[in-house]
Amino acid sequence: MGGISQGLLSRLQLVNMFPLMEENKHVAQLLLSTGTCPRCIFRFCGVDFHAPYKLPYKDLLNELQKFLETEKDELILEVPNPPPKKIRLQELEDGIDGIDNLSQNGEGRVSVIEDGSIASKNSNLNVCNVCLGILQEFCEKEFIKKVCQKVEASGFEFTNLVFSVSFPPQLSVREHAAWLLVKQEMGKQSLSLGRNDIVQLKEAYKRITHPLISEELGVPIDGKSLFEVSVVFAHPETVEDCHFLRVICPDCFKPAKNKQSVFTRMAVMKALNKIKEEDFHKQFPCPPNSPKAVCTVLEIECAHGAVFVAGRYNKYSRNLPQTPWIIDGERKLESSVEELISDHLLAVFKAESFNFSSSGREDVDVRTLGNGRPFAIELVNPHRVHFTSQEIKELQQKINNSSNKIQVRDLQLVTREAIGHMKEGEEEKTKSYSALIWTNNTIQKKDIEFLNNIKDLKIDQKTPLRVLHRRPLAVRTRIIHSMESHYVDDHHFRLYLKTQAGTYIKEFVHGDFGRTKPNIGSLMNVTADILELDVEVKRFIVEVAVCTLNSAKVMLLAGWALSQIGIYLHLS
């Protein structure tokens, strides 16, 4: 086989596998004479195996003409609108090479910037009156090669891909017209042709292009791949071909905010299923007229599905919000937990954007210690997606070295489903806190000991005043599972709490003007307020020698000691 050229090999294969039979000749001659391409003829003849579609177009046309030679003088057709002389596809400089005039439009997107078209190189080719050129040069190797060049230049990392195409909606109208014509002719021979007997255009296109793309890029086509390459075709005669359907079936064409035209594929198909055959014949020619132009390629777009990174974070600053703090367009603080983590991930994954989520949140002045709060980041349209475990560890270390306000741990790639599990059962979770509390009255150790004996205390909390602007007014019942008090001085004590997730701890301490009942103030019959709050604290006991320091100094010393020990325990 080494001495046989590729073209000769294709012709030999075609001779052995030409798919049409003697009974197909009448329909094939009918369609060819009205301007239909060989591959569409195969579709209407029900050719359901792949090999014939994949052969070069010129060879298909030559063999089809040879196959039909005996029919030339026998078949006389009355075609109401015979095709004009050969309609030339646009020249190469406006066509296949025109793909080089596509420009990047956002990450991985390619759009036409001149006449909006990528057309056939073959200037002696009739444009098919059914597929408008889709199954002609748009599925040949030269065009696919240009598409793959754009994919390789997009900068995405991938090991497989999904290939999707979007066709002009009037292709369904033209196919419907051709089907009615063929069905009528076959009916004369007491034969039938159902819509489902026709091989779908998109199916035929993928049969041809999938192997070519896979071979050119060296990766398999996989319907479950997160990397998608999409080609969007358009045609200038869409409105002209579809307008009559809107007149007859106006209910099928309702304007949508996110659609540029009412003539979507779904709307057209809905109308075609609704319209009567006799009404269609009156409004649209059967066979369909030869088109004035060939299809164009609006864009070739590459996109990768989101990837998810999860872990836990500790927050050691009392002046750092979880997410950007912006009020009336004005930024209040320079950074946030979200940004300190996500900025590094965006850069490394080369993603367009991100979405941050976590299991609960803390106020700007609340620290998160202990094992840390679970978080996840969705990275949208990432260009890099493959990382070794060592690279993830290095990324975690890079985040931790960039700021002393936060630390992350257990950084890892996870699935979308895992993110859902993070949010499940949040109301049933138990959270641990440490609060430094001030009272207006002087207290002794015996005044707070009773708190240690309270178990599973039910409290009712109206939406706090401080969050009422962003959360609905409601009364929420929460449970304080246990409390442990540690006396500090005459006006201060530290309270360790285990509570149901979603409990407003600050309001449980000071009462929020009676909106949380009961509260520490009402339980102790004092006015109480919270000075510091830490969430998810590891239990440890610190003995601090207090001599004649005033309460303010004791408060600062205790807070500093706790923060240093918390950081030490985390880093160790």
Foldseek 3Di string as FASTA:
>chain_A
DVPDDPVRVLLVVCVVCVPDDPVLQVLLVVQVQQFAALVQSCLQVLVDDQVVLQGARVSSVVVSCVVNVVVVVPDDDDAPAHADAAQFADAQVCALVQQVCWDDDPQQKTFRDDPGFHIANDRRDHQGLQQLQCSHRVLDLSNLLSLLVSNVVRLFDDQEEAEEEAGQQCSVVLVLLQQVQSQVVVVVVVDGGDPVSGDDPRNSSCSNRQVSNCVNNVHHYDPPAQKYKYWYKYDPCSCVSQVVLCVVCVVLFDDDPPDPGSSHNNSSVVSVVVDDPVVSVVPAGRNHYRDNHGMGIGMIGIFGAKWKKKFFKWFLAQQAFQAFDADPNRGDDDHHVCCLQVVLVCVVQVAPDKDKDWLDGDGSRATEFDRGTMIMMIGGRGRHDDDDPVRQVVSQVVSCVVDPRMHIPPIDIDDPVVVVVRHPPSQADKKKKKFKKFWPFFDDPVLCQVQQVDAFDKKWAWDAPVCCVPDPTDIDIWTWGGKDWADQGRTIIMIMTIIGRPDDQQCLAQVRVVRMPPHVCVVSVTGMGTDYMYIRADDDDDDDDDDPDDPVVSVVVVVVVSSVVRVVVVVD
